[in-house]
Amino acid sequence: MSKKEDLRQELREILRRNHDAFIGQYSNEINQLLGLSRQEIDAIVPGTTDLETYDQLITIVKEASKRNISQAELKERIEELGEVGIEISKKVSSLAKLFV
């Protein structure tokens, strides 16, 4: 395969995985996380411009959706992100319920 064909195949695989996540168990949560404004995120993490934790949270929820993992396991994975990850997830009502 040429490099161009390899790139196309890799892109198809990424798109397939994203599609699987968006129709999975946590698809609503993914959409709500993606809908958070920069101001909402900055209110949680004042004075920073780093959105790495936010991006990691979205990745964790996408993987959980794609693999249909339990809420308990999703909660554990979010907790591994630390307080910032937990606070961002609380902006999504169904994820906030995990931490009540």
N, C-alpha and C. Protein backbone atom coordinates (compact mmCIF):
# COMPACT_ATOMS: atom_id res chain seq x y z
N MET A 1 0.82 -1.19 0.00
CA MET A 1 0.00 0.00 0.00
C MET A 1 0.86 1.25 0.00
N SER A 2 0.39 2.26 -0.68
CA SER A 2 1.11 3.52 -0.69
C SER A 2 0.82 4.29 0.59
N LYS A 3 1.61 5.31 0.83
CA LYS A 3 1.39 6.15 2.01
C LYS A 3 0.01 6.80 1.98
N LYS A 4 -0.41 7.20 0.80
CA LYS A 4 -1.72 7.84 0.66
C LYS A 4 -2.83 6.85 1.01
N GLU A 5 -2.71 5.62 0.55
CA GLU A 5 -3.71 4.60 0.88
C GLU A 5 -3.69 4.27 2.37
N ASP A 6 -2.49 4.22 2.95
CA ASP A 6 -2.38 3.98 4.39
C ASP A 6 -3.08 5.08 5.18
N LEU A 7 -2.87 6.31 4.76
CA LEU A 7 -3.50 7.45 5.42
C LEU A 7 -5.02 7.39 5.31
N ARG A 8 -5.50 7.03 4.12
CA ARG A 8 -6.95 6.89 3.94
C ARG A 8 -7.52 5.80 4.84
N GLN A 9 -6.83 4.68 4.92
CA GLN A 9 -7.28 3.57 5.76
C GLN A 9 -7.29 3.99 7.23
N GLU A 10 -6.26 4.68 7.65
CA GLU A 10 -6.19 5.16 9.04
C GLU A 10 -7.33 6.13 9.32
N LEU A 11 -7.61 7.02 8.40
CA LEU A 11 -8.70 7.98 8.56
C LEU A 11 -10.04 7.26 8.64
N ARG A 12 -10.26 6.26 7.79
CA ARG A 12 -11.51 5.49 7.84
C ARG A 12 -11.68 4.83 9.20
N GLU A 13 -10.61 4.29 9.74
CA GLU A 13 -10.67 3.63 11.04
C GLU A 13 -11.00 4.63 12.15
N ILE A 14 -10.39 5.80 12.12
CA ILE A 14 -10.68 6.85 13.11
C ILE A 14 -12.15 7.25 13.01
N LEU A 15 -12.63 7.46 11.82
CA LEU A 15 -14.03 7.85 11.63
C LEU A 15 -14.98 6.75 12.10
N ARG A 16 -14.64 5.50 11.85
CA ARG A 16 -15.48 4.39 12.31
C ARG A 16 -15.54 4.36 13.83
N ARG A 17 -14.38 4.52 14.48
CA ARG A 17 -14.35 4.52 15.95
C ARG A 17 -15.16 5.67 16.52
N ASN A 18 -15.02 6.85 15.92
CA ASN A 18 -15.80 8.00 16.38
C ASN A 18 -17.29 7.76 16.20
N HIS A 19 -17.66 7.19 15.07
CA HIS A 19 -19.07 6.88 14.82
C HIS A 19 -19.59 5.90 15.88
N ASP A 20 -18.82 4.86 16.17
CA ASP A 20 -19.22 3.88 17.18
C ASP A 20 -19.42 4.54 18.54
N ALA A 21 -18.54 5.47 18.87
CA ALA A 21 -18.66 6.17 20.16
C ALA A 21 -19.90 7.05 20.20
N PHE A 22 -20.18 7.72 19.09
CA PHE A 22 -21.32 8.65 19.08
C PHE A 22 -22.67 7.96 19.07
N ILE A 23 -22.71 6.67 18.75
CA ILE A 23 -23.99 5.96 18.81
C ILE A 23 -24.03 5.01 20.00
N GLY A 24 -23.00 5.01 20.82
CA GLY A 24 -22.91 4.10 21.95
C GLY A 24 -23.68 4.58 23.17
N GLN A 25 -23.44 3.89 24.25
CA GLN A 25 -24.14 4.09 25.51
C GLN A 25 -24.06 5.52 26.04
N TYR A 26 -22.94 6.18 25.86
CA TYR A 26 -22.74 7.52 26.42
C TYR A 26 -22.74 8.61 25.34
N SER A 27 -23.46 8.39 24.27
CA SER A 27 -23.46 9.36 23.17
C SER A 27 -24.01 10.72 23.61
N ASN A 28 -25.04 10.74 24.43
CA ASN A 28 -25.59 12.00 24.92
C ASN A 28 -24.56 12.77 25.74
N GLU A 29 -23.83 12.05 26.58
CA GLU A 29 -22.80 12.69 27.42
C GLU A 29 -21.69 13.28 26.56
N ILE A 30 -21.31 12.58 25.51
CA ILE A 30 -20.28 13.10 24.60
C ILE A 30 -20.74 14.41 23.98
N ASN A 31 -21.97 14.40 23.49
CA ASN A 31 -22.50 15.62 22.86
C ASN A 31 -22.57 16.78 23.85
N GLN A 32 -22.95 16.51 25.09
CA GLN A 32 -23.01 17.58 26.08
C GLN A 32 -21.61 18.09 26.43
N LEU A 33 -20.65 17.19 26.55
CA LEU A 33 -19.27 17.64 26.81
C LEU A 33 -18.75 18.50 25.67
N LEU A 34 -19.02 18.06 24.45
CA LEU A 34 -18.56 18.83 23.30
C LEU A 34 -19.25 20.18 23.20
N GLY A 35 -20.42 20.30 23.82
CA GLY A 35 -21.16 21.56 23.80
C GLY A 35 -20.76 22.56 24.86
N LEU A 36 -19.86 22.17 25.76
CA LEU A 36 -19.41 23.11 26.79
C LEU A 36 -18.62 24.25 26.15
N SER A 37 -18.88 25.44 26.61
CA SER A 37 -18.16 26.58 26.07
C SER A 37 -16.79 26.72 26.73
N ARG A 38 -15.94 27.46 26.10
CA ARG A 38 -14.62 27.73 26.66
C ARG A 38 -14.76 28.45 28.00
N GLN A 39 -15.74 29.33 28.12
CA GLN A 39 -15.97 30.06 29.36
C GLN A 39 -16.36 29.09 30.49
N GLU A 40 -17.18 28.10 30.18
CA GLU A 40 -17.58 27.13 31.20
C GLU A 40 -16.37 26.33 31.70
N ILE A 41 -15.51 25.97 30.78
CA ILE A 41 -14.31 25.21 31.16
C ILE A 41 -13.35 26.11 31.92
N ASP A 42 -13.17 27.34 31.47
CA ASP A 42 -12.28 28.27 32.15
C ASP A 42 -12.76 28.60 33.56
N ALA A 43 -14.08 28.53 33.78
CA ALA A 43 -14.61 28.78 35.12
C ALA A 43 -14.17 27.68 36.10
N ILE A 44 -13.93 26.50 35.58
CA ILE A 44 -13.48 25.38 36.41
C ILE A 44 -11.98 25.45 36.63
N VAL A 45 -11.26 25.84 35.59
CA VAL A 45 -9.81 25.88 35.63
C VAL A 45 -9.37 27.31 35.33
N PRO A 46 -9.58 28.24 36.28
CA PRO A 46 -9.26 29.64 35.99
C PRO A 46 -7.77 29.87 35.76
N GLY A 47 -7.53 30.75 34.82
CA GLY A 47 -6.16 31.17 34.56
C GLY A 47 -5.34 30.20 33.73
N THR A 48 -5.96 29.17 33.21
CA THR A 48 -5.20 28.25 32.37
C THR A 48 -5.79 28.25 30.97
N THR A 49 -4.97 27.97 30.03
CA THR A 49 -5.44 27.85 28.66
C THR A 49 -5.29 26.42 28.19
N ASP A 50 -4.84 25.53 29.08
CA ASP A 50 -4.62 24.14 28.73
C ASP A 50 -5.93 23.37 28.80
N LEU A 51 -6.34 22.80 27.70
CA LEU A 51 -7.57 22.03 27.64
C LEU A 51 -7.30 20.53 27.61
N GLU A 52 -6.11 20.14 28.03
CA GLU A 52 -5.72 18.74 27.96
C GLU A 52 -6.65 17.84 28.77
N THR A 53 -7.00 18.23 29.98
CA THR A 53 -7.88 17.40 30.81
C THR A 53 -9.26 17.28 30.17
N TYR A 54 -9.76 18.37 29.63
CA TYR A 54 -11.05 18.36 28.93
C TYR A 54 -11.00 17.38 27.76
N ASP A 55 -9.95 17.45 26.99
CA ASP A 55 -9.78 16.55 25.85
C ASP A 55 -9.68 15.10 26.31
N GLN A 56 -8.95 14.85 27.38
CA GLN A 56 -8.84 13.50 27.92
C GLN A 56 -10.18 12.98 28.41
N LEU A 57 -10.97 13.85 29.03
CA LEU A 57 -12.30 13.46 29.50
C LEU A 57 -13.17 13.03 28.32
N ILE A 58 -13.16 13.81 27.26
CA ILE A 58 -13.94 13.45 26.08
C ILE A 58 -13.48 12.10 25.53
N THR A 59 -12.18 11.88 25.48
CA THR A 59 -11.65 10.61 25.00
C THR A 59 -12.11 9.45 25.88
N ILE A 60 -12.08 9.63 27.18
CA ILE A 60 -12.50 8.59 28.11
C ILE A 60 -13.98 8.26 27.90
N VAL A 61 -14.82 9.27 27.76
CA VAL A 61 -16.25 9.03 27.59
C VAL A 61 -16.52 8.40 26.22
N LYS A 62 -15.78 8.81 25.19
CA LYS A 62 -15.93 8.18 23.87
C LYS A 62 -15.58 6.70 23.94
N GLU A 63 -14.48 6.37 24.59
CA GLU A 63 -14.08 4.96 24.72
C GLU A 63 -15.11 4.18 25.52
N ALA A 64 -15.62 4.78 26.59
CA ALA A 64 -16.63 4.12 27.41
C ALA A 64 -17.88 3.86 26.59
N SER A 65 -18.26 4.79 25.76
CA SER A 65 -19.43 4.64 24.92
C SER A 65 -19.23 3.54 23.89
N LYS A 66 -18.08 3.56 23.26
CA LYS A 66 -17.78 2.59 22.22
C LYS A 66 -17.74 1.17 22.78
N ARG A 67 -17.20 1.04 23.99
CA ARG A 67 -17.03 -0.29 24.60
C ARG A 67 -18.16 -0.67 25.54
N ASN A 68 -19.12 0.23 25.71
CA ASN A 68 -20.26 -0.01 26.61
C ASN A 68 -19.81 -0.43 28.01
N ILE A 69 -18.87 0.31 28.58
CA ILE A 69 -18.41 -0.02 29.93
C ILE A 69 -19.42 0.48 30.96
N SER A 70 -19.34 -0.06 32.14
CA SER A 70 -20.28 0.29 33.20
C SER A 70 -20.05 1.71 33.69
N GLN A 71 -21.07 2.23 34.37
CA GLN A 71 -20.95 3.57 34.95
C GLN A 71 -19.87 3.58 36.03
N ALA A 72 -19.76 2.49 36.79
CA ALA A 72 -18.75 2.42 37.85
C ALA A 72 -17.34 2.52 37.26
N GLU A 73 -17.12 1.83 36.16
CA GLU A 73 -15.79 1.88 35.53
C GLU A 73 -15.54 3.26 34.91
N LEU A 74 -16.58 3.84 34.32
CA LEU A 74 -16.44 5.19 33.77
C LEU A 74 -16.08 6.17 34.88
N LYS A 75 -16.75 6.06 36.01
CA LYS A 75 -16.45 6.93 37.14
C LYS A 75 -14.99 6.79 37.57
N GLU A 76 -14.50 5.57 37.65
CA GLU A 76 -13.10 5.34 38.03
C GLU A 76 -12.14 6.01 37.05
N ARG A 77 -12.44 5.87 35.77
CA ARG A 77 -11.57 6.47 34.75
C ARG A 77 -11.58 8.00 34.84
N ILE A 78 -12.74 8.57 35.10
CA ILE A 78 -12.83 10.02 35.25
C ILE A 78 -12.05 10.46 36.49
N GLU A 79 -12.18 9.71 37.58
CA GLU A 79 -11.47 10.05 38.81
C GLU A 79 -9.96 10.04 38.61
N GLU A 80 -9.47 9.21 37.70
CA GLU A 80 -8.03 9.18 37.41
C GLU A 80 -7.54 10.50 36.82
N LEU A 81 -8.45 11.28 36.24
CA LEU A 81 -8.08 12.59 35.70
C LEU A 81 -7.87 13.62 36.80
N GLY A 82 -8.38 13.33 37.99
CA GLY A 82 -8.22 14.26 39.10
C GLY A 82 -9.42 15.19 39.23
N GLU A 83 -9.28 16.14 40.11
CA GLU A 83 -10.37 17.05 40.46
C GLU A 83 -10.88 17.85 39.26
N VAL A 84 -9.99 18.27 38.39
CA VAL A 84 -10.42 19.06 37.23
C VAL A 84 -11.32 18.22 36.32
N GLY A 85 -10.93 16.99 36.07
CA GLY A 85 -11.74 16.10 35.24
C GLY A 85 -13.11 15.86 35.85
N ILE A 86 -13.13 15.67 37.16
CA ILE A 86 -14.40 15.45 37.86
C ILE A 86 -15.28 16.69 37.76
N GLU A 87 -14.69 17.86 37.98
CA GLU A 87 -15.47 19.10 37.93
C GLU A 87 -16.02 19.37 36.53
N ILE A 88 -15.24 19.10 35.52
CA ILE A 88 -15.74 19.28 34.15
C ILE A 88 -16.88 18.30 33.89
N SER A 89 -16.72 17.06 34.32
CA SER A 89 -17.77 16.07 34.08
C SER A 89 -19.06 16.44 34.79
N LYS A 90 -18.97 17.16 35.90
CA LYS A 90 -20.16 17.58 36.63
C LYS A 90 -20.99 18.60 35.86
N LYS A 91 -20.44 19.17 34.80
CA LYS A 91 -21.20 20.09 33.95
C LYS A 91 -22.22 19.35 33.08
N VAL A 92 -22.10 18.02 33.04
CA VAL A 92 -23.03 17.16 32.29
C VAL A 92 -23.86 16.43 33.34
N SER A 93 -25.15 16.71 33.36
CA SER A 93 -26.00 16.20 34.45
C SER A 93 -25.91 14.69 34.66
N SER A 94 -25.90 13.91 33.60
CA SER A 94 -25.85 12.47 33.77
C SER A 94 -24.49 11.99 34.28
N LEU A 95 -23.43 12.71 33.98
CA LEU A 95 -22.12 12.36 34.54
C LEU A 95 -22.01 12.86 35.97
N ALA A 96 -22.63 13.99 36.25
CA ALA A 96 -22.59 14.55 37.61
C ALA A 96 -23.20 13.56 38.60
N LYS A 97 -24.19 12.81 38.17
CA LYS A 97 -24.84 11.82 39.05
C LYS A 97 -23.87 10.75 39.51
N LEU A 98 -22.81 10.53 38.76
CA LEU A 98 -21.82 9.54 39.17
C LEU A 98 -21.07 9.96 40.45
N PHE A 99 -21.06 11.26 40.72
CA PHE A 99 -20.26 11.79 41.83
C PHE A 99 -21.10 12.31 42.98
N VAL A 100 -22.36 11.91 43.04
CA VAL A 100 -23.24 12.34 44.14
C VAL A 100 -23.14 11.37 45.28
